[in-house]
């Protein structure tokens, strides 16, 4: 007896139809997912600026002053050069070096801050420039005007 084997599989046309459907679904869902990525970067920057603010406040409590603009945020991880401040420094106040913001640029530190804060810790946002709107807006505790 001869047995006939039936070959099964997909035709090229069926594969193309499936790929077109997948492409249409991706074009509808993709932009929504990528907008979430941008907003999550803003949330990460807000969280990191709160962490940096807390570290600056701890530095202030122990050393008796806030970091100078020339010391910047690096003094939260590396002891200050000033011998008087170095004697009171109990850091590091961060587990690692000061992180870059979610867009890969350094966080900014300035004196004074807005709304009565003695300092500002912030990111320039997605565009890396002062000001902006939406994802390009500055994030964190902003400097005084």
N, C-alpha and C. Protein backbone atom coordinates (compact mmCIF):
# COMPACT_ATOMS: atom_id res chain seq x y z
N UNK A 1 0.82 -1.17 0.00
CA UNK A 1 0.00 0.00 0.00
C UNK A 1 0.87 1.23 0.00
N UNK A 2 0.42 2.12 -0.74
CA UNK A 2 1.10 3.40 -0.80
C UNK A 2 0.40 4.40 0.07
N UNK A 3 1.16 5.07 0.89
CA UNK A 3 0.54 6.12 1.70
C UNK A 3 0.94 7.45 1.12
N UNK A 4 -0.03 8.25 1.00
CA UNK A 4 0.22 9.61 0.50
C UNK A 4 0.38 10.55 1.68
N UNK A 5 1.49 11.17 1.69
CA UNK A 5 1.72 12.15 2.74
C UNK A 5 1.21 13.50 2.27
N UNK A 6 0.45 14.13 3.12
CA UNK A 6 -0.07 15.46 2.78
C UNK A 6 0.84 16.48 3.45
N UNK A 7 1.43 17.31 2.63
CA UNK A 7 2.30 18.36 3.15
C UNK A 7 1.42 19.51 3.61
N UNK A 8 1.68 19.96 4.84
CA UNK A 8 0.91 21.11 5.31
C UNK A 8 1.88 22.23 5.63
N UNK A 9 1.41 23.45 5.53
CA UNK A 9 2.24 24.60 5.80
C UNK A 9 1.50 25.85 5.38
N UNK A 10 2.17 26.95 5.48
CA UNK A 10 1.56 28.23 5.12
C UNK A 10 2.07 28.66 3.76
N UNK A 11 1.19 29.27 3.02
CA UNK A 11 1.61 29.81 1.73
C UNK A 11 2.22 31.19 1.97
N UNK A 12 2.92 31.66 0.97
CA UNK A 12 3.54 32.98 1.06
C UNK A 12 2.47 34.06 1.26
N UNK A 13 1.36 33.94 0.61
CA UNK A 13 0.28 34.92 0.75
C UNK A 13 -0.26 34.94 2.18
N UNK A 14 -0.45 33.79 2.79
CA UNK A 14 -0.92 33.73 4.17
C UNK A 14 0.09 34.38 5.13
N UNK A 15 1.36 34.13 4.90
CA UNK A 15 2.40 34.74 5.74
C UNK A 15 2.39 36.26 5.60
N UNK A 16 2.22 36.76 4.39
CA UNK A 16 2.19 38.21 4.17
C UNK A 16 0.98 38.85 4.84
N UNK A 17 -0.16 38.20 4.79
CA UNK A 17 -1.36 38.72 5.43
C UNK A 17 -1.14 38.81 6.94
N UNK A 18 -0.55 37.79 7.54
CA UNK A 18 -0.28 37.80 8.98
C UNK A 18 0.70 38.93 9.32
N UNK A 19 1.74 39.10 8.52
CA UNK A 19 2.71 40.18 8.78
C UNK A 19 2.07 41.56 8.67
N UNK A 20 1.18 41.74 7.74
CA UNK A 20 0.48 43.03 7.59
C UNK A 20 -0.39 43.28 8.82
N UNK A 21 -1.08 42.28 9.30
CA UNK A 21 -1.93 42.43 10.49
C UNK A 21 -1.07 42.77 11.70
N UNK A 22 0.04 42.08 11.87
CA UNK A 22 0.94 42.37 13.00
C UNK A 22 1.47 43.80 12.89
N UNK A 23 1.81 44.23 11.69
CA UNK A 23 2.28 45.60 11.48
C UNK A 23 1.23 46.64 11.84
N UNK A 24 -0.02 46.38 11.47
CA UNK A 24 -1.11 47.31 11.81
C UNK A 24 -1.31 47.40 13.32
N UNK A 25 -1.28 46.26 13.99
CA UNK A 25 -1.44 46.26 15.44
C UNK A 25 -0.29 47.02 16.09
N UNK A 26 0.93 46.79 15.64
CA UNK A 26 2.10 47.47 16.21
C UNK A 26 2.03 48.97 15.98
N UNK A 27 1.51 49.39 14.83
CA UNK A 27 1.42 50.83 14.56
C UNK A 27 0.38 51.51 15.44
N UNK A 28 -0.61 50.77 15.90
CA UNK A 28 -1.62 51.33 16.80
C UNK A 28 -1.14 51.34 18.24
N UNK A 29 -0.45 50.29 18.67
CA UNK A 29 -0.04 50.13 20.06
C UNK A 29 1.29 50.82 20.33
N UNK A 30 2.21 50.82 19.39
CA UNK A 30 3.56 51.36 19.57
C UNK A 30 3.62 52.77 20.12
N UNK A 31 2.93 53.74 19.50
CA UNK A 31 3.01 55.12 20.01
C UNK A 31 2.53 55.25 21.45
N UNK A 32 1.53 54.47 21.83
CA UNK A 32 1.06 54.54 23.22
C UNK A 32 2.13 54.03 24.18
N UNK A 33 2.82 52.97 23.80
CA UNK A 33 3.87 52.43 24.67
C UNK A 33 5.04 53.40 24.79
N UNK A 34 5.44 54.02 23.67
CA UNK A 34 6.58 54.93 23.70
C UNK A 34 6.25 56.21 24.46
N UNK A 35 5.00 56.66 24.46
CA UNK A 35 4.65 57.83 25.26
C UNK A 35 4.75 57.49 26.74
N UNK A 36 4.49 56.26 27.10
CA UNK A 36 4.65 55.82 28.50
C UNK A 36 6.12 55.83 28.91
N UNK A 37 7.01 55.48 27.99
CA UNK A 37 8.44 55.49 28.29
C UNK A 37 8.88 56.91 28.62
N UNK A 38 8.43 57.89 27.84
CA UNK A 38 8.80 59.28 28.10
C UNK A 38 8.28 59.76 29.44
N UNK A 39 7.03 59.45 29.77
CA UNK A 39 6.49 59.89 31.05
C UNK A 39 7.15 59.16 32.22
N UNK A 40 7.58 57.93 32.00
CA UNK A 40 8.27 57.22 33.08
C UNK A 40 9.65 57.83 33.33
N UNK A 41 10.30 58.36 32.31
CA UNK A 41 11.58 59.04 32.50
C UNK A 41 11.40 60.29 33.36
N UNK A 42 10.31 60.99 33.16
CA UNK A 42 10.02 62.17 33.99
C UNK A 42 9.83 61.74 35.44
N UNK A 43 9.11 60.64 35.66
CA UNK A 43 8.89 60.15 37.02
C UNK A 43 10.21 59.72 37.68
N UNK A 44 11.09 59.09 36.90
CA UNK A 44 12.40 58.70 37.44
C UNK A 44 13.19 59.93 37.84
N UNK A 45 13.17 60.97 36.99
CA UNK A 45 13.90 62.20 37.30
C UNK A 45 13.34 62.86 38.57
N UNK A 46 12.02 62.87 38.73
CA UNK A 46 11.42 63.44 39.94
C UNK A 46 11.85 62.66 41.18
N UNK A 47 11.87 61.35 41.08
CA UNK A 47 12.27 60.52 42.21
C UNK A 47 13.75 60.74 42.55
N UNK A 48 14.59 60.79 41.52
CA UNK A 48 16.01 60.98 41.77
C UNK A 48 16.30 62.36 42.35
N UNK A 49 15.57 63.39 41.93
CA UNK A 49 15.82 64.72 42.50
C UNK A 49 15.38 64.76 43.96
N UNK A 50 14.32 64.01 44.32
CA UNK A 50 13.94 63.92 45.73
C UNK A 50 15.03 63.23 46.54
N UNK A 51 15.59 62.17 45.99
CA UNK A 51 16.69 61.46 46.66
C UNK A 51 17.89 62.39 46.84
N UNK A 52 18.25 63.13 45.81
CA UNK A 52 19.38 64.05 45.90
C UNK A 52 19.11 65.18 46.89
N UNK A 53 17.87 65.66 46.91
CA UNK A 53 17.51 66.70 47.89
C UNK A 53 17.68 66.18 49.31
N UNK A 54 17.23 64.95 49.56
CA UNK A 54 17.37 64.36 50.87
C UNK A 54 18.84 64.21 51.26
N UNK A 55 19.68 63.83 50.31
CA UNK A 55 21.11 63.69 50.59
C UNK A 55 21.73 65.05 50.90
N UNK A 56 21.32 66.10 50.18
CA UNK A 56 21.83 67.44 50.47
C UNK A 56 21.39 67.89 51.86
N UNK A 57 20.15 67.59 52.22
CA UNK A 57 19.66 67.95 53.55
C UNK A 57 20.44 67.21 54.65
N UNK A 58 20.74 65.95 54.44
CA UNK A 58 21.54 65.19 55.40
C UNK A 58 22.94 65.79 55.52
N UNK A 59 23.53 66.14 54.37
CA UNK A 59 24.84 66.80 54.37
C UNK A 59 24.77 68.08 55.19
N UNK A 60 23.73 68.86 54.99
CA UNK A 60 23.57 70.13 55.71
C UNK A 60 23.47 69.91 57.22
N UNK A 61 22.72 68.89 57.64
CA UNK A 61 22.58 68.61 59.06
C UNK A 61 23.92 68.22 59.71
N UNK A 62 24.71 67.45 58.99
CA UNK A 62 25.96 66.96 59.56
C UNK A 62 27.11 67.96 59.43
N UNK A 63 27.21 68.62 58.30
CA UNK A 63 28.34 69.51 58.05
C UNK A 63 28.05 70.93 58.54
N UNK A 64 26.76 71.28 58.59
CA UNK A 64 26.39 72.61 59.07
C UNK A 64 26.19 73.64 57.99
N UNK A 65 26.24 73.21 56.76
CA UNK A 65 26.02 74.10 55.61
C UNK A 65 25.62 73.25 54.41
N UNK A 66 25.07 73.91 53.40
CA UNK A 66 24.77 73.18 52.17
C UNK A 66 26.03 73.19 51.29
N UNK A 67 26.11 72.27 50.34
CA UNK A 67 27.26 72.28 49.45
C UNK A 67 27.34 73.60 48.66
N UNK A 68 28.53 74.05 48.41
CA UNK A 68 28.70 75.25 47.59
C UNK A 68 28.44 74.88 46.14
N UNK A 69 28.21 75.89 45.31
CA UNK A 69 27.99 75.59 43.89
C UNK A 69 29.23 74.96 43.27
N UNK A 70 30.41 75.37 43.72
CA UNK A 70 31.63 74.78 43.14
C UNK A 70 31.79 73.32 43.58
N UNK A 71 31.36 72.96 44.78
CA UNK A 71 31.40 71.56 45.21
C UNK A 71 30.35 70.76 44.47
N UNK A 72 29.19 71.34 44.27
CA UNK A 72 28.11 70.67 43.57
C UNK A 72 27.64 69.42 44.29
N UNK A 73 27.04 68.54 43.53
CA UNK A 73 26.48 67.32 44.12
C UNK A 73 27.54 66.25 44.36
N UNK A 74 28.72 66.40 43.78
CA UNK A 74 29.76 65.38 43.96
C UNK A 74 30.18 65.26 45.42
N UNK A 75 30.00 66.34 46.22
CA UNK A 75 30.38 66.31 47.62
C UNK A 75 29.49 65.36 48.43
N UNK A 76 28.43 64.89 47.83
CA UNK A 76 27.57 63.92 48.50
C UNK A 76 28.20 62.53 48.50
N UNK A 77 29.18 62.32 47.62
CA UNK A 77 29.83 61.01 47.51
C UNK A 77 31.31 61.06 47.89
N UNK A 78 31.93 62.21 47.63
CA UNK A 78 33.36 62.39 47.92
C UNK A 78 33.50 63.50 48.95
N UNK A 79 34.31 63.28 49.96
CA UNK A 79 34.48 64.26 51.04
C UNK A 79 34.94 65.61 50.49
N UNK A 80 34.48 66.70 51.09
CA UNK A 80 34.88 68.03 50.62
C UNK A 80 36.36 68.30 50.87
N UNK A 81 36.92 69.21 50.10
CA UNK A 81 38.34 69.57 50.25
C UNK A 81 38.56 70.43 51.48
N UNK A 82 37.57 71.23 51.84
CA UNK A 82 37.65 72.11 53.01
C UNK A 82 37.83 71.27 54.28
N UNK A 83 38.93 71.49 55.00
CA UNK A 83 39.26 70.67 56.18
C UNK A 83 38.20 70.74 57.27
N UNK A 84 37.64 71.91 57.48
CA UNK A 84 36.60 72.06 58.52
C UNK A 84 35.36 71.24 58.19
N UNK A 85 34.93 71.33 56.92
CA UNK A 85 33.76 70.55 56.48
C UNK A 85 34.10 69.06 56.44
N UNK A 86 35.31 68.74 56.04
CA UNK A 86 35.73 67.34 55.94
C UNK A 86 35.69 66.65 57.31
N UNK A 87 36.01 67.38 58.38
CA UNK A 87 36.00 66.82 59.73
C UNK A 87 34.60 66.44 60.18
N UNK A 88 33.59 67.14 59.66
CA UNK A 88 32.20 66.86 60.07
C UNK A 88 31.47 65.95 59.08
N UNK A 89 32.04 65.76 57.91
CA UNK A 89 31.44 64.96 56.83
C UNK A 89 31.34 63.50 57.27
N UNK A 90 30.16 62.91 57.20
CA UNK A 90 29.94 61.52 57.60
C UNK A 90 29.46 60.68 56.42
N UNK A 91 29.76 61.11 55.22
CA UNK A 91 29.28 60.45 54.01
C UNK A 91 30.01 59.17 53.72
N UNK A 92 29.77 58.63 52.58
CA UNK A 92 29.00 59.21 51.49
C UNK A 92 27.49 59.18 51.77
N UNK A 93 26.83 60.15 51.19
CA UNK A 93 25.39 60.30 51.38
C UNK A 93 24.59 59.64 50.27
N UNK A 94 25.30 59.07 49.30
CA UNK A 94 24.69 58.31 48.22
C UNK A 94 25.41 56.97 48.13
N UNK A 95 24.72 55.93 47.67
CA UNK A 95 25.32 54.61 47.52
C UNK A 95 26.35 54.58 46.39
N UNK A 96 26.15 55.41 45.38
CA UNK A 96 27.03 55.46 44.21
C UNK A 96 27.27 56.91 43.85
N UNK A 97 28.12 57.13 42.85
CA UNK A 97 28.33 58.48 42.35
C UNK A 97 26.97 59.08 41.96
N UNK A 98 26.91 60.39 41.86
CA UNK A 98 25.67 61.06 41.47
C UNK A 98 25.26 60.55 40.09
N UNK A 99 24.04 60.02 39.97
CA UNK A 99 23.62 59.48 38.67
C UNK A 99 23.34 60.59 37.66
N UNK A 100 23.40 60.22 36.40
CA UNK A 100 22.93 61.14 35.35
C UNK A 100 21.42 61.06 35.33
N UNK A 101 20.78 62.09 34.78
CA UNK A 101 19.32 62.04 34.68
C UNK A 101 18.93 60.98 33.64
N UNK A 102 17.65 60.65 33.52
CA UNK A 102 17.23 59.59 32.59
C UNK A 102 17.56 59.87 31.13
N UNK A 103 17.91 61.10 30.80
CA UNK A 103 18.27 61.45 29.42
C UNK A 103 19.78 61.49 29.23
N UNK A 104 20.52 61.10 30.28
CA UNK A 104 21.97 60.99 30.16
C UNK A 104 22.77 62.25 30.45
N UNK A 105 22.14 63.29 30.98
CA UNK A 105 22.87 64.51 31.30
C UNK A 105 22.96 64.67 32.82
N UNK A 106 23.97 65.39 33.30
CA UNK A 106 24.12 65.54 34.75
C UNK A 106 22.98 66.35 35.36
N UNK A 107 22.65 66.03 36.60
CA UNK A 107 21.70 66.85 37.34
C UNK A 107 22.34 68.20 37.65
N UNK A 108 21.52 69.22 37.73
CA UNK A 108 21.98 70.58 38.00
C UNK A 108 21.84 70.89 39.48
N UNK A 109 22.76 71.70 39.99
CA UNK A 109 22.70 72.14 41.38
C UNK A 109 22.94 73.64 41.37
N UNK A 110 22.09 74.38 42.04
CA UNK A 110 22.23 75.84 42.06
C UNK A 110 21.78 76.39 43.41
N UNK A 111 22.26 77.57 43.72
CA UNK A 111 21.89 78.28 44.94
C UNK A 111 21.41 79.66 44.51
N UNK A 112 20.28 80.14 44.94
CA UNK A 112 19.25 79.54 45.78
C UNK A 112 18.22 78.81 44.93
N UNK A 113 17.30 78.15 45.63
CA UNK A 113 16.19 77.49 44.96
C UNK A 113 14.94 78.35 45.05
N UNK A 114 13.88 77.87 44.45
CA UNK A 114 12.58 78.56 44.49
C UNK A 114 11.87 78.29 45.80
N UNK A 115 10.88 79.12 46.06
CA UNK A 115 9.96 78.93 47.18
C UNK A 115 10.67 78.78 48.53
N UNK A 116 11.72 79.55 48.72
CA UNK A 116 12.41 79.57 49.99
C UNK A 116 13.43 78.47 50.21
N UNK A 117 13.58 77.56 49.26
CA UNK A 117 14.61 76.53 49.40
C UNK A 117 15.99 77.16 49.23
N UNK A 118 16.94 76.75 50.05
CA UNK A 118 18.27 77.35 49.92
C UNK A 118 19.06 76.85 48.71
N UNK A 119 18.60 75.78 48.07
CA UNK A 119 19.31 75.21 46.92
C UNK A 119 18.31 74.62 45.94
N UNK A 120 18.80 74.32 44.74
CA UNK A 120 17.98 73.71 43.69
C UNK A 120 18.70 72.47 43.18
N UNK A 121 17.96 71.39 42.97
CA UNK A 121 18.46 70.17 42.35
C UNK A 121 17.45 69.82 41.27
N UNK A 122 17.91 69.79 40.01
CA UNK A 122 16.94 69.62 38.93
C UNK A 122 17.60 69.08 37.66
N UNK A 123 16.75 68.66 36.73
CA UNK A 123 17.15 68.20 35.41
C UNK A 123 16.52 69.13 34.38
N UNK A 124 17.20 69.31 33.27
CA UNK A 124 16.65 70.15 32.19
C UNK A 124 15.59 69.41 31.37
N UNK A 125 15.33 68.14 31.64
CA UNK A 125 14.32 67.39 30.91
C UNK A 125 14.88 66.78 29.63
N UNK A 126 13.98 66.33 28.77
CA UNK A 126 14.37 65.58 27.58
C UNK A 126 15.22 66.40 26.60
N UNK A 127 14.96 67.70 26.51
CA UNK A 127 15.70 68.51 25.53
C UNK A 127 17.06 68.98 26.03
N UNK A 128 17.33 68.84 27.33
CA UNK A 128 18.62 69.24 27.88
C UNK A 128 18.83 70.74 27.94
N UNK A 129 17.75 71.52 27.81
CA UNK A 129 17.83 72.98 27.84
C UNK A 129 16.90 73.54 28.90
N UNK A 130 17.23 74.70 29.46
CA UNK A 130 16.33 75.31 30.45
C UNK A 130 14.94 75.58 29.85
N UNK A 131 13.93 75.44 30.70
CA UNK A 131 12.54 75.70 30.26
C UNK A 131 11.97 74.51 29.53
N UNK A 132 11.00 74.78 28.70
CA UNK A 132 10.37 73.72 27.91
C UNK A 132 9.02 73.33 28.47
N UNK A 133 8.33 72.51 27.71
CA UNK A 133 7.00 72.03 28.09
C UNK A 133 6.94 70.52 27.91
N UNK A 134 6.00 69.89 28.61
CA UNK A 134 5.83 68.44 28.50
C UNK A 134 7.07 67.71 28.97
N UNK A 135 7.57 66.78 28.16
CA UNK A 135 8.77 66.01 28.52
C UNK A 135 10.04 66.86 28.48
N UNK A 136 9.98 68.01 27.83
CA UNK A 136 11.13 68.91 27.76
C UNK A 136 11.21 69.85 28.95
N UNK A 137 10.20 69.86 29.79
CA UNK A 137 10.16 70.78 30.94
C UNK A 137 11.21 70.38 31.97
N UNK A 138 11.70 71.39 32.69
CA UNK A 138 12.64 71.14 33.78
C UNK A 138 11.94 70.36 34.89
N UNK A 139 12.68 69.44 35.53
CA UNK A 139 12.11 68.54 36.53
C UNK A 139 12.91 68.66 37.83
N UNK A 140 12.22 68.75 38.96
CA UNK A 140 12.89 68.73 40.25
C UNK A 140 12.63 69.98 41.05
N UNK A 141 13.59 70.32 41.90
CA UNK A 141 13.50 71.51 42.76
C UNK A 141 14.28 72.60 42.05
N UNK A 142 13.54 73.52 41.44
CA UNK A 142 14.12 74.45 40.48
C UNK A 142 14.78 75.65 41.15
N UNK A 143 15.70 76.29 40.42
CA UNK A 143 16.40 77.46 40.97
C UNK A 143 15.50 78.68 41.05
N UNK A 144 15.87 79.62 41.92
CA UNK A 144 15.12 80.87 42.03
C UNK A 144 15.21 81.66 40.74
N UNK A 145 14.21 82.49 40.54
CA UNK A 145 14.16 83.27 39.29
C UNK A 145 15.00 84.50 39.37
